[in-house]
Every structure is written in C-alpha cells, then in structure tokens.
Amino acid sequence: MIQELLMAAAGAAAAAAVYAGAAARVVKQYERGVVFRFGRLRDDIRSPGFTMIVPVVDRLHKVNMQIVTMPVPAQEGITRDNVTVRVDAVVYFKVVDAADALVRVEDYKFAVSQMAQTSLRSIIGKSDLDDLLSNREKLNQGLELMLDSPAMGWGVAIDRVEIKDVSLPETMKRSMARQAEADRERRARVINADAELQASKKLAEAAGVMSDQPAALQLRLLQTVMAVSAEKNSTLVLPIPVELLRFLERATPGAPETEPVAAPEPAPPLSEAYLKGRAAAADAIEDLTGSSVDPVPRDADTA
C-alpha cells in the first residue's frame, strides 16, 4: 500500500514537472509577450520576466520592442526640375503596441520597408535637386510624416528618417563643378578689382601729399633704396628723376641761383652801300653766264 502511494506521488510529481516545463516561459527585458488562447488574443500582455501559460491551449509570441535600424534601398527617380538621381535612406522605428504589430499587419518590418521605398520615390518626384542637396532636414521631416501616419495603425512608431546619399550622373557632376569654378573665379575677380580700386585711391592720396610736400618724394625714394639694399643685391639701379635733381639743387645751401638767359639782340639793318654793291655783282654775273644768280646767300639778309 505504501509502495503504491509512493509510486503515485512520484508520478504526480513527474506530471507536475512536465506541465511546469511546458507552461513556463521567460520574456526578456526588451520583449513583450502576446498570448493567443485557441487563436483568440488575450488582453493581458506579458511583461518581462518569468510567466506561465496553459500548455496546448495557449501560444506565446514574443515581440521585440527595441529600435530597429532599416536601410532603404537606393531609389532612382526624376526630380521636379528633370534631373535623374538615386537616393537611399535609413529608417529608425520601434514597436509601441505588441498586439497591433502581430494582429494588424502580417510582417511589420516588411511593411515599413515597402512604405519607406514608396515614400522616398514620392519625395524625389516632388523635390528639386537643390532641395535634395542642401535642404535635407526638411525632406527628412516630410518622409517621417509620410511614414508615421500609417505605421501608427500597425503599432509601430517611426523614430527618425535620414537621407543618406544622393547620387548624380557624371554629366551633372561636371556641370556643377564648372558652375562652382566659374562662381569662384567671378568672386576672385571682384575682390581683385575692389583691391585695385582701393589701391588707386590710396595712390592718388599719396600723390597729392607728395605734390604738396616735395620732400616726401625724396623720403620715399630713400625707403625704396633701403628695401632693395636689404636683399643683398650686388647691383642697384636707381632712377633719379630730373625734378628730384632740381629739388636737391635748390635745397642745397649756398648753391648759385640760375641766371635768366638773355634774349638775342636783333640784327642791325643792312646799309644802302651794301645793297648797291650786291646788285652790281648780280648784274655782272648775269652778263657773264646769261642767268640771274644771287652771289650772296639768302641767310646774309638776316645776318
């Protein structure tokens, strides 16, 4: 009798152990447990830790509540200004309602991926190339809104959407490079012209000061000589203007003052006897040669 009781107790203990092993479940900290009893959803969501279910009757599904990082494959499209580009992105999302993520959608990860690709192509068609290259923050917000609206019905919350890269055709890259180069060259020319204008104004002011103070020209010349001599050159060519020589001559103490040049005196008028003799000589030469010749040079009239 006692032996039969011991065997029954041992059998019950073994059955209880088997039942406990079949019913015991462990839910991790980043998971939530959803229980289906005979295919119907139970309202109680199992929290992290040890939990029990009814074997054969209940089915426990664990849902990961961590943030999922999903890359969006590169999508090729035409922008609003007719430029063909390839854009890829990345989506960060997480499950906020484990029951909805299992019941309302078959595979929430696949659904989010397809919706992200469709939304990315839509954003490409509605945006200009400049917006894709420089105004990505606004486009990221638009993508997040387009994904978050339907995802909330699936128990999924879109945490963040980022556009990773924008691939352009080689011809467009060369055109943009030429445009940037031309813009930089234009700015360089404007800066150079502005510098020339400022330098010309300063030179004009310096010329005005030197014209008022001739000694400034001499000081500037001496400064130039000192700057050139600091180079340790063996030969120094120094042009000296005539105005500087005259200035130095006037500035030298005891220098003789230049005397004014006297005007030439007018030649005295020719005498009457000289004119008669010149006429007689001309008549004699004409008788001998048969041609009229003036024996006296014409310059003699003004001598």
C-alpha atoms as a PDB file:
ATOM      1  CA  MET A   1       0.000   0.000   0.000  1.00  0.00           C
ATOM      2  CA  ILE A   2       2.731   2.418   0.978  1.00  0.00           C
ATOM      3  CA  GLN A   3       4.646   1.487  -2.124  1.00  0.00           C
ATOM      4  CA  GLU A   4       1.670   2.275  -4.333  1.00  0.00           C
ATOM      5  CA  LEU A   5       1.249   5.643  -2.681  1.00  0.00           C
ATOM      6  CA  LEU A   6       4.906   6.438  -3.254  1.00  0.00           C
ATOM      7  CA  MET A   7       4.629   5.497  -6.915  1.00  0.00           C
ATOM      8  CA  ALA A   8       1.527   7.648  -7.334  1.00  0.00           C
ATOM      9  CA  ALA A   9       3.230  10.591  -5.684  1.00  0.00           C
ATOM     10  CA  ALA A  10       6.237  10.163  -7.894  1.00  0.00           C
ATOM     11  CA  GLY A  11       4.015  10.025 -10.972  1.00  0.00           C
ATOM     12  CA  ALA A  12       2.172  13.168  -9.912  1.00  0.00           C
ATOM     13  CA  ALA A  13       5.425  14.956  -9.292  1.00  0.00           C
ATOM     14  CA  ALA A  14       6.695  13.925 -12.688  1.00  0.00           C
ATOM     15  CA  ALA A  15       3.491  15.112 -14.333  1.00  0.00           C
ATOM     16  CA  ALA A  16       3.667  18.396 -12.479  1.00  0.00           C
ATOM     17  CA  ALA A  17       7.272  18.843 -13.608  1.00  0.00           C
ATOM     18  CA  VAL A  18       6.344  18.114 -17.200  1.00  0.00           C
ATOM     19  CA  TYR A  19       3.431  20.533 -17.004  1.00  0.00           C
ATOM     20  CA  ALA A  20       5.582  23.241 -15.435  1.00  0.00           C
ATOM     21  CA  GLY A  21       8.233  22.760 -18.110  1.00  0.00           C
ATOM     22  CA  ALA A  22       5.620  23.043 -20.855  1.00  0.00           C
ATOM     23  CA  ALA A  23       3.902  26.031 -19.285  1.00  0.00           C
ATOM     24  CA  ALA A  24       6.917  28.044 -18.126  1.00  0.00           C
ATOM     25  CA  ARG A  25       8.128  30.893 -20.329  1.00  0.00           C
ATOM     26  CA  VAL A  26      10.745  33.652 -19.903  1.00  0.00           C
ATOM     27  CA  VAL A  27      10.246  37.071 -21.512  1.00  0.00           C
ATOM     28  CA  LYS A  28      13.397  39.191 -21.876  1.00  0.00           C
ATOM     29  CA  GLN A  29      13.633  42.803 -20.802  1.00  0.00           C
ATOM     30  CA  TYR A  30      13.404  44.227 -24.349  1.00  0.00           C
ATOM     31  CA  GLU A  31      10.471  41.944 -25.303  1.00  0.00           C
ATOM     32  CA  ARG A  32       6.746  41.738 -24.650  1.00  0.00           C
ATOM     33  CA  GLY A  33       4.678  38.533 -24.687  1.00  0.00           C
ATOM     34  CA  VAL A  34       1.393  38.264 -26.586  1.00  0.00           C
ATOM     35  CA  VAL A  35      -0.782  35.255 -25.733  1.00  0.00           C
ATOM     36  CA  PHE A  36      -3.290  33.629 -28.081  1.00  0.00           C
ATOM     37  CA  ARG A  37      -5.726  31.151 -26.497  1.00  0.00           C
ATOM     38  CA  PHE A  38      -7.397  28.933 -29.044  1.00  0.00           C
ATOM     39  CA  GLY A  39      -6.442  31.572 -31.629  1.00  0.00           C
ATOM     40  CA  ARG A  40      -8.029  34.448 -29.757  1.00  0.00           C
ATOM     41  CA  LEU A  41      -5.939  37.339 -28.496  1.00  0.00           C
ATOM     42  CA  ARG A  42      -5.641  37.634 -24.741  1.00  0.00           C
ATOM     43  CA  ASP A  43      -5.828  41.144 -23.334  1.00  0.00           C
ATOM     44  CA  ASP A  44      -3.015  40.689 -20.855  1.00  0.00           C
ATOM     45  CA  ILE A  45       0.396  41.463 -22.412  1.00  0.00           C
ATOM     46  CA  ARG A  46       3.093  39.512 -20.588  1.00  0.00           C
ATOM     47  CA  SER A  47       5.775  41.801 -19.144  1.00  0.00           C
ATOM     48  CA  PRO A  48       9.480  40.880 -18.932  1.00  0.00           C
ATOM     49  CA  GLY A  49      10.383  38.058 -16.566  1.00  0.00           C
ATOM     50  CA  PHE A  50       9.012  34.577 -15.775  1.00  0.00           C
ATOM     51  CA  THR A  51       5.447  33.780 -16.861  1.00  0.00           C
ATOM     52  CA  MET A  52       3.164  30.759 -17.232  1.00  0.00           C
ATOM     53  CA  ILE A  53       0.788  29.723 -19.998  1.00  0.00           C
ATOM     54  CA  VAL A  54      -1.618  26.820 -20.429  1.00  0.00           C
ATOM     55  CA  PRO A  55       0.100  24.133 -22.494  1.00  0.00           C
ATOM     56  CA  VAL A  56      -1.561  23.129 -25.756  1.00  0.00           C
ATOM     57  CA  VAL A  57      -4.217  25.805 -25.211  1.00  0.00           C
ATOM     58  CA  ASP A  58      -2.096  28.980 -25.251  1.00  0.00           C
ATOM     59  CA  ARG A  59       0.511  30.213 -27.706  1.00  0.00           C
ATOM     60  CA  LEU A  60       3.014  32.900 -26.598  1.00  0.00           C
ATOM     61  CA  HIS A  61       4.541  35.231 -29.220  1.00  0.00           C
ATOM     62  CA  LYS A  62       7.432  37.457 -28.216  1.00  0.00           C
ATOM     63  CA  VAL A  63       7.706  40.883 -29.832  1.00  0.00           C
ATOM     64  CA  ASN A  64      10.971  42.844 -29.850  1.00  0.00           C
ATOM     65  CA  MET A  65      10.469  46.391 -28.582  1.00  0.00           C
ATOM     66  CA  GLN A  66      13.964  47.670 -29.484  1.00  0.00           C
ATOM     67  CA  ILE A  67      14.583  50.377 -32.062  1.00  0.00           C
ATOM     68  CA  VAL A  68      15.116  48.779 -35.468  1.00  0.00           C
ATOM     69  CA  THR A  69      17.551  50.312 -37.979  1.00  0.00           C
ATOM     70  CA  MET A  70      16.398  49.547 -41.504  1.00  0.00           C
ATOM     71  CA  PRO A  71      18.291  50.723 -44.605  1.00  0.00           C
ATOM     72  CA  VAL A  72      16.120  51.758 -47.515  1.00  0.00           C
ATOM     73  CA  PRO A  73      17.477  50.565 -50.891  1.00  0.00           C
ATOM     74  CA  ALA A  74      18.533  53.269 -53.314  1.00  0.00           C
ATOM     75  CA  GLN A  75      15.603  54.554 -55.328  1.00  0.00           C
ATOM     76  CA  GLU A  76      16.056  56.097 -58.775  1.00  0.00           C
ATOM     77  CA  GLY A  77      13.734  58.887 -59.818  1.00  0.00           C
ATOM     78  CA  ILE A  78      13.410  62.168 -61.667  1.00  0.00           C
ATOM     79  CA  THR A  79      13.257  65.370 -59.686  1.00  0.00           C
ATOM     80  CA  ARG A  80      10.840  68.195 -60.326  1.00  0.00           C
ATOM     81  CA  ASP A  81      13.498  70.015 -62.395  1.00  0.00           C
ATOM     82  CA  ASN A  82      14.050  66.898 -64.606  1.00  0.00           C
ATOM     83  CA  VAL A  83      17.286  65.545 -63.132  1.00  0.00           C
ATOM     84  CA  THR A  84      17.759  61.785 -62.721  1.00  0.00           C
ATOM     85  CA  VAL A  85      19.090  60.893 -59.253  1.00  0.00           C
ATOM     86  CA  ARG A  86      19.492  57.877 -56.981  1.00  0.00           C
ATOM     87  CA  VAL A  87      18.676  58.406 -53.317  1.00  0.00           C
ATOM     88  CA  ASP A  88      18.998  55.988 -50.412  1.00  0.00           C
ATOM     89  CA  ALA A  89      17.909  56.475 -46.798  1.00  0.00           C
ATOM     90  CA  VAL A  90      17.702  54.804 -43.390  1.00  0.00           C
ATOM     91  CA  VAL A  91      14.646  54.432 -41.130  1.00  0.00           C
ATOM     92  CA  TYR A  92      14.658  54.089 -37.332  1.00  0.00           C
ATOM     93  CA  PHE A  93      11.444  52.687 -35.850  1.00  0.00           C
ATOM     94  CA  LYS A  94      10.198  50.628 -32.911  1.00  0.00           C
ATOM     95  CA  VAL A  95       7.097  48.702 -31.833  1.00  0.00           C
ATOM     96  CA  VAL A  96       4.937  50.546 -29.296  1.00  0.00           C
ATOM     97  CA  ASP A  97       1.972  48.139 -29.285  1.00  0.00           C
ATOM     98  CA  ALA A  98       2.946  44.471 -29.457  1.00  0.00           C
ATOM     99  CA  ALA A  99      -0.617  43.219 -30.035  1.00  0.00           C
ATOM    100  CA  ASP A 100      -1.260  45.540 -33.004  1.00  0.00           C
ATOM    101  CA  ALA A 101       2.124  44.677 -34.536  1.00  0.00           C
ATOM    102  CA  LEU A 102       1.073  40.999 -34.616  1.00  0.00           C
ATOM    103  CA  VAL A 103      -2.619  41.311 -35.412  1.00  0.00           C
ATOM    104  CA  ARG A 104      -2.982  44.294 -37.756  1.00  0.00           C
ATOM    105  CA  VAL A 105      -0.122  43.560 -40.155  1.00  0.00           C
ATOM    106  CA  GLU A 106       1.410  40.287 -41.321  1.00  0.00           C
ATOM    107  CA  ASP A 107       5.058  41.422 -41.227  1.00  0.00           C
ATOM    108  CA  TYR A 108       5.515  44.924 -39.874  1.00  0.00           C
ATOM    109  CA  LYS A 109       9.199  45.113 -40.858  1.00  0.00           C
ATOM    110  CA  PHE A 110       8.459  44.294 -44.492  1.00  0.00           C
ATOM    111  CA  ALA A 111       5.520  46.702 -44.477  1.00  0.00           C
ATOM    112  CA  VAL A 112       7.654  49.560 -43.118  1.00  0.00           C
ATOM    113  CA  SER A 113      10.369  48.808 -45.696  1.00  0.00           C
ATOM    114  CA  GLN A 114       7.983  48.920 -48.656  1.00  0.00           C
ATOM    115  CA  MET A 115       6.279  52.042 -47.405  1.00  0.00           C
ATOM    116  CA  ALA A 116       9.656  53.754 -46.927  1.00  0.00           C
ATOM    117  CA  GLN A 117      10.691  52.976 -50.514  1.00  0.00           C
ATOM    118  CA  THR A 118       7.412  54.276 -51.906  1.00  0.00           C
ATOM    119  CA  SER A 119       7.570  57.457 -49.830  1.00  0.00           C
ATOM    120  CA  LEU A 120      11.192  58.068 -50.866  1.00  0.00           C
ATOM    121  CA  ARG A 121      10.292  57.876 -54.572  1.00  0.00           C
ATOM    122  CA  SER A 122       7.404  60.249 -53.951  1.00  0.00           C
ATOM    123  CA  ILE A 123       9.701  62.741 -52.204  1.00  0.00           C
ATOM    124  CA  ILE A 124      12.174  62.603 -55.103  1.00  0.00           C
ATOM    125  CA  GLY A 125       9.462  63.484 -57.631  1.00  0.00           C
ATOM    126  CA  LYS A 126       8.182  66.404 -55.563  1.00  0.00           C
ATOM    127  CA  SER A 127      11.579  67.999 -54.797  1.00  0.00           C
ATOM    128  CA  ASP A 128      14.142  69.985 -56.740  1.00  0.00           C
ATOM    129  CA  LEU A 129      17.782  68.968 -56.988  1.00  0.00           C
ATOM    130  CA  ASP A 130      18.881  71.871 -54.797  1.00  0.00           C
ATOM    131  CA  ASP A 131      16.487  70.716 -52.061  1.00  0.00           C
ATOM    132  CA  LEU A 132      17.910  67.185 -52.159  1.00  0.00           C
ATOM    133  CA  LEU A 133      21.444  68.520 -51.838  1.00  0.00           C
ATOM    134  CA  SER A 134      21.072  71.357 -49.347  1.00  0.00           C
ATOM    135  CA  ASN A 135      17.665  71.132 -47.654  1.00  0.00           C
ATOM    136  CA  ARG A 136      17.717  67.556 -46.401  1.00  0.00           C
ATOM    137  CA  GLU A 137      16.385  68.366 -42.934  1.00  0.00           C
ATOM    138  CA  LYS A 138      13.053  69.451 -44.374  1.00  0.00           C
ATOM    139  CA  LEU A 139      12.872  66.379 -46.606  1.00  0.00           C
ATOM    140  CA  ASN A 140      13.647  64.113 -43.640  1.00  0.00           C
ATOM    141  CA  GLN A 141      10.740  65.612 -41.718  1.00  0.00           C
ATOM    142  CA  GLY A 142       8.437  65.110 -44.700  1.00  0.00           C
ATOM    143  CA  LEU A 143       9.485  61.472 -45.000  1.00  0.00           C
ATOM    144  CA  GLU A 144       8.927  60.914 -41.292  1.00  0.00           C
ATOM    145  CA  LEU A 145       5.394  62.292 -41.506  1.00  0.00           C
ATOM    146  CA  MET A 146       4.578  60.165 -44.564  1.00  0.00           C
ATOM    147  CA  LEU A 147       5.765  57.003 -42.778  1.00  0.00           C
ATOM    148  CA  ASP A 148       4.421  57.740 -39.301  1.00  0.00           C
ATOM    149  CA  SER A 149       0.762  58.177 -40.277  1.00  0.00           C
ATOM    150  CA  PRO A 150       0.054  54.601 -41.477  1.00  0.00           C
ATOM    151  CA  ALA A 151       2.636  52.993 -39.162  1.00  0.00           C
ATOM    152  CA  MET A 152       0.779  54.109 -36.030  1.00  0.00           C
ATOM    153  CA  GLY A 153      -2.134  51.840 -37.034  1.00  0.00           C
ATOM    154  CA  TRP A 154       0.291  48.904 -37.059  1.00  0.00           C
ATOM    155  CA  GLY A 155       1.570  49.551 -33.534  1.00  0.00           C
ATOM    156  CA  VAL A 156       4.837  50.945 -34.921  1.00  0.00           C
ATOM    157  CA  ALA A 157       6.294  54.415 -34.253  1.00  0.00           C
ATOM    158  CA  ILE A 158       8.777  55.981 -36.693  1.00  0.00           C
ATOM    159  CA  ASP A 159      11.568  57.405 -34.613  1.00  0.00           C
ATOM    160  CA  ARG A 160      13.679  59.030 -37.345  1.00  0.00           C
ATOM    161  CA  VAL A 161      14.261  59.061 -41.119  1.00  0.00           C
ATOM    162  CA  GLU A 162      17.526  60.205 -42.713  1.00  0.00           C
ATOM    163  CA  ILE A 163      18.521  60.558 -46.369  1.00  0.00           C
ATOM    164  CA  LYS A 164      21.979  59.025 -46.645  1.00  0.00           C
ATOM    165  CA  ASP A 165      23.277  59.807 -50.115  1.00  0.00           C
ATOM    166  CA  VAL A 166      22.240  61.420 -53.391  1.00  0.00           C
ATOM    167  CA  SER A 167      23.963  60.019 -56.486  1.00  0.00           C
ATOM    168  CA  LEU A 168      24.115  62.276 -59.559  1.00  0.00           C
ATOM    169  CA  PRO A 169      25.032  61.453 -63.185  1.00  0.00           C
ATOM    170  CA  GLU A 170      28.612  62.204 -64.226  1.00  0.00           C
ATOM    171  CA  THR A 171      27.497  64.887 -66.688  1.00  0.00           C
ATOM    172  CA  MET A 172      25.598  66.682 -63.920  1.00  0.00           C
ATOM    173  CA  LYS A 173      28.626  66.474 -61.621  1.00  0.00           C
ATOM    174  CA  ARG A 174      30.850  68.070 -64.263  1.00  0.00           C
ATOM    175  CA  SER A 175      28.294  70.813 -64.895  1.00  0.00           C
ATOM    176  CA  MET A 176      28.043  71.603 -61.197  1.00  0.00           C
ATOM    177  CA  ALA A 177      31.839  71.629 -60.905  1.00  0.00           C
ATOM    178  CA  ARG A 178      32.121  74.103 -63.801  1.00  0.00           C
ATOM    179  CA  GLN A 179      29.429  76.270 -62.232  1.00  0.00           C
ATOM    180  CA  ALA A 180      31.210  76.311 -58.882  1.00  0.00           C
ATOM    181  CA  GLU A 181      34.531  77.093 -60.575  1.00  0.00           C
ATOM    182  CA  ALA A 182      33.013  79.961 -62.546  1.00  0.00           C
ATOM    183  CA  ASP A 183      31.405  81.378 -59.415  1.00  0.00           C
ATOM    184  CA  ARG A 184      34.705  81.258 -57.523  1.00  0.00           C
ATOM    185  CA  GLU A 185      36.526  82.908 -60.436  1.00  0.00           C
ATOM    186  CA  ARG A 186      33.892  85.653 -60.535  1.00  0.00           C
ATOM    187  CA  ARG A 187      34.319  86.335 -56.827  1.00  0.00           C
ATOM    188  CA  ALA A 188      38.101  86.369 -57.217  1.00  0.00           C
ATOM    189  CA  ARG A 189      37.876  88.951 -60.000  1.00  0.00           C
ATOM    190  CA  VAL A 190      35.507  91.127 -57.982  1.00  0.00           C
ATOM    191  CA  ILE A 191      37.833  91.003 -54.985  1.00  0.00           C
ATOM    192  CA  ASN A 192      40.841  91.820 -57.193  1.00  0.00           C
ATOM    193  CA  ALA A 193      39.032  94.769 -58.794  1.00  0.00           C
ATOM    194  CA  ASP A 194      37.985  96.059 -55.392  1.00  0.00           C
ATOM    195  CA  ALA A 195      41.586  95.833 -54.204  1.00  0.00           C
ATOM    196  CA  GLU A 196      42.786  97.717 -57.300  1.00  0.00           C
ATOM    197  CA  LEU A 197      40.196 100.441 -56.650  1.00  0.00           C
ATOM    198  CA  GLN A 198      41.269 100.857 -53.038  1.00  0.00           C
ATOM    199  CA  ALA A 199      44.944 100.874 -54.048  1.00  0.00           C
ATOM    200  CA  SER A 200      44.333 103.518 -56.723  1.00  0.00           C
ATOM    201  CA  LYS A 201      42.560 105.738 -54.178  1.00  0.00           C
ATOM    202  CA  LYS A 202      45.454 105.415 -51.759  1.00  0.00           C
ATOM    203  CA  LEU A 203      47.980 106.113 -54.519  1.00  0.00           C
ATOM    204  CA  ALA A 204      46.033 109.201 -55.538  1.00  0.00           C
ATOM    205  CA  GLU A 205      46.116 110.439 -51.939  1.00  0.00           C
ATOM    206  CA  ALA A 206      49.833 109.716 -51.741  1.00  0.00           C
ATOM    207  CA  ALA A 207      50.452 111.608 -55.000  1.00  0.00           C
ATOM    208  CA  GLY A 208      48.540 114.582 -53.611  1.00  0.00           C
ATOM    209  CA  VAL A 209      50.666 114.599 -50.450  1.00  0.00           C
ATOM    210  CA  MET A 210      53.897 114.335 -52.458  1.00  0.00           C
ATOM    211  CA  SER A 211      52.857 117.183 -54.741  1.00  0.00           C
ATOM    212  CA  ASP A 212      52.236 119.391 -51.701  1.00  0.00           C
ATOM    213  CA  GLN A 213      55.409 118.251 -49.922  1.00  0.00           C
ATOM    214  CA  PRO A 214      58.241 117.510 -52.394  1.00  0.00           C
ATOM    215  CA  ALA A 215      60.392 116.188 -49.551  1.00  0.00           C
ATOM    216  CA  ALA A 216      58.056 113.214 -49.247  1.00  0.00           C
ATOM    217  CA  LEU A 217      59.189 112.004 -52.678  1.00  0.00           C
ATOM    218  CA  GLN A 218      62.818 112.027 -51.537  1.00  0.00           C
ATOM    219  CA  LEU A 219      61.948 110.108 -48.359  1.00  0.00           C
ATOM    220  CA  ARG A 220      60.001 107.543 -50.358  1.00  0.00           C
ATOM    221  CA  LEU A 221      62.959 107.096 -52.690  1.00  0.00           C
ATOM    222  CA  LEU A 222      65.297 106.535 -49.752  1.00  0.00           C
ATOM    223  CA  GLN A 223      62.904 103.953 -48.315  1.00  0.00           C
ATOM    224  CA  THR A 224      62.904 102.117 -51.638  1.00  0.00           C
ATOM    225  CA  VAL A 225      66.698 102.106 -51.662  1.00  0.00           C
ATOM    226  CA  MET A 226      66.783 100.686 -48.132  1.00  0.00           C
ATOM    227  CA  ALA A 227      64.257  97.956 -49.058  1.00  0.00           C
ATOM    228  CA  VAL A 228      66.262  96.951 -52.136  1.00  0.00           C
ATOM    229  CA  SER A 229      69.597  97.027 -50.287  1.00  0.00           C
ATOM    230  CA  ALA A 230      68.218  94.637 -47.674  1.00  0.00           C
ATOM    231  CA  GLU A 231      68.074  91.956 -50.389  1.00  0.00           C
ATOM    232  CA  LYS A 232      71.917  91.963 -50.528  1.00  0.00           C
ATOM    233  CA  ASN A 233      71.981  92.602 -54.265  1.00  0.00           C
ATOM    234  CA  SER A 234      75.302  93.278 -55.950  1.00  0.00           C
ATOM    235  CA  THR A 235      73.836  95.787 -58.399  1.00  0.00           C
ATOM    236  CA  LEU A 236      71.342  98.516 -57.657  1.00  0.00           C
ATOM    237  CA  VAL A 237      69.799 100.539 -60.485  1.00  0.00           C
ATOM    238  CA  LEU A 238      68.314 103.742 -59.101  1.00  0.00           C
ATOM    239  CA  PRO A 239      66.423 106.035 -61.478  1.00  0.00           C
ATOM    240  CA  ILE A 240      66.697 109.682 -60.437  1.00  0.00           C
ATOM    241  CA  PRO A 241      64.085 112.000 -61.916  1.00  0.00           C
ATOM    242  CA  VAL A 242      65.112 115.453 -63.130  1.00  0.00           C
ATOM    243  CA  GLU A 243      62.632 117.064 -60.744  1.00  0.00           C
ATOM    244  CA  LEU A 244      64.469 115.493 -57.813  1.00  0.00           C
ATOM    245  CA  LEU A 245      67.807 116.844 -59.034  1.00  0.00           C
ATOM    246  CA  ARG A 246      66.363 120.326 -59.336  1.00  0.00           C
ATOM    247  CA  PHE A 247      64.799 119.991 -55.885  1.00  0.00           C
ATOM    248  CA  LEU A 248      68.167 118.909 -54.408  1.00  0.00           C
ATOM    249  CA  GLU A 249      69.935 121.772 -56.209  1.00  0.00           C
ATOM    250  CA  ARG A 250      67.522 124.323 -54.788  1.00  0.00           C
ATOM    251  CA  ALA A 251      67.638 122.735 -51.321  1.00  0.00           C
ATOM    252  CA  THR A 252      71.477 122.752 -51.188  1.00  0.00           C
ATOM    253  CA  PRO A 253      72.696 125.787 -49.104  1.00  0.00           C
ATOM    254  CA  GLY A 254      75.000 128.207 -50.942  1.00  0.00           C
ATOM    255  CA  ALA A 255      74.061 126.952 -54.368  1.00  0.00           C
ATOM    256  CA  PRO A 256      74.270 129.685 -57.075  1.00  0.00           C
ATOM    257  CA  GLU A 257      70.954 130.772 -58.361  1.00  0.00           C
ATOM    258  CA  THR A 258      70.333 130.170 -62.003  1.00  0.00           C
ATOM    259  CA  GLU A 259      70.647 133.367 -64.101  1.00  0.00           C
ATOM    260  CA  PRO A 260      67.988 134.072 -66.703  1.00  0.00           C
ATOM    261  CA  VAL A 261      69.153 133.648 -70.289  1.00  0.00           C
ATOM    262  CA  ALA A 262      69.337 136.962 -72.146  1.00  0.00           C
ATOM    263  CA  ALA A 263      67.265 137.246 -75.260  1.00  0.00           C
ATOM    264  CA  PRO A 264      69.313 137.606 -78.541  1.00  0.00           C
ATOM    265  CA  GLU A 265      69.690 141.141 -79.795  1.00  0.00           C
ATOM    266  CA  PRO A 266      68.099 141.955 -83.166  1.00  0.00           C
ATOM    267  CA  ALA A 267      70.465 142.161 -86.125  1.00  0.00           C
ATOM    268  CA  PRO A 268      71.255 145.678 -87.355  1.00  0.00           C
ATOM    269  CA  PRO A 269      69.628 146.709 -90.640  1.00  0.00           C
ATOM    270  CA  LEU A 270      71.641 146.380 -93.890  1.00  0.00           C
ATOM    271  CA  SER A 271      73.336 149.559 -95.226  1.00  0.00           C
ATOM    272  CA  GLU A 272      72.457 151.165 -98.580  1.00  0.00           C
ATOM    273  CA  ALA A 273      76.007 150.769 -99.935  1.00  0.00           C
ATOM    274  CA  TYR A 274      75.909 147.010 -99.241  1.00  0.00           C
ATOM    275  CA  LEU A 275      72.703 146.670-101.157  1.00  0.00           C
ATOM    276  CA  LYS A 276      74.063 148.619-104.190  1.00  0.00           C
ATOM    277  CA  GLY A 277      77.236 146.528-104.358  1.00  0.00           C
ATOM    278  CA  ARG A 278      75.155 143.295-104.135  1.00  0.00           C
ATOM    279  CA  ALA A 279      73.015 144.465-107.083  1.00  0.00           C
ATOM    280  CA  ALA A 280      76.080 145.341-109.201  1.00  0.00           C
ATOM    281  CA  ALA A 281      77.643 141.929-108.567  1.00  0.00           C
ATOM    282  CA  ALA A 282      74.452 140.216-109.585  1.00  0.00           C
ATOM    283  CA  ASP A 283      74.360 142.180-112.877  1.00  0.00           C
ATOM    284  CA  ALA A 284      77.966 141.262-113.700  1.00  0.00           C
ATOM    285  CA  ILE A 285      77.348 137.554-113.127  1.00  0.00           C
ATOM    286  CA  GLU A 286      74.231 137.680-115.268  1.00  0.00           C
ATOM    287  CA  ASP A 287      76.244 139.271-118.156  1.00  0.00           C
ATOM    288  CA  LEU A 288      78.871 136.534-117.988  1.00  0.00           C
ATOM    289  CA  THR A 289      76.681 133.467-117.545  1.00  0.00           C
ATOM    290  CA  GLY A 290      73.456 134.546-119.043  1.00  0.00           C
ATOM    291  CA  SER A 291      71.448 133.605-115.920  1.00  0.00           C
ATOM    292  CA  SER A 292      70.463 135.584-112.893  1.00  0.00           C
ATOM    293  CA  VAL A 293      72.380 134.326-109.786  1.00  0.00           C
ATOM    294  CA  ASP A 294      72.456 135.809-106.329  1.00  0.00           C
ATOM    295  CA  PRO A 295      76.152 135.676-105.286  1.00  0.00           C
ATOM    296  CA  VAL A 296      75.334 136.405-101.696  1.00  0.00           C
ATOM    297  CA  PRO A 297      73.487 133.669 -99.626  1.00  0.00           C
ATOM    298  CA  ARG A 298      69.999 134.391 -98.578  1.00  0.00           C
ATOM    299  CA  ASP A 299      70.958 133.998 -94.905  1.00  0.00           C
ATOM    300  CA  ALA A 300      73.044 137.091 -95.252  1.00  0.00           C
ATOM    301  CA  ASP A 301      69.899 139.129 -95.248  1.00  0.00           C
ATOM    302  CA  THR A 302      69.292 138.268 -91.650  1.00  0.00           C
ATOM    303  CA  ALA A 303      72.906 138.407 -90.520  1.00  0.00           C
END
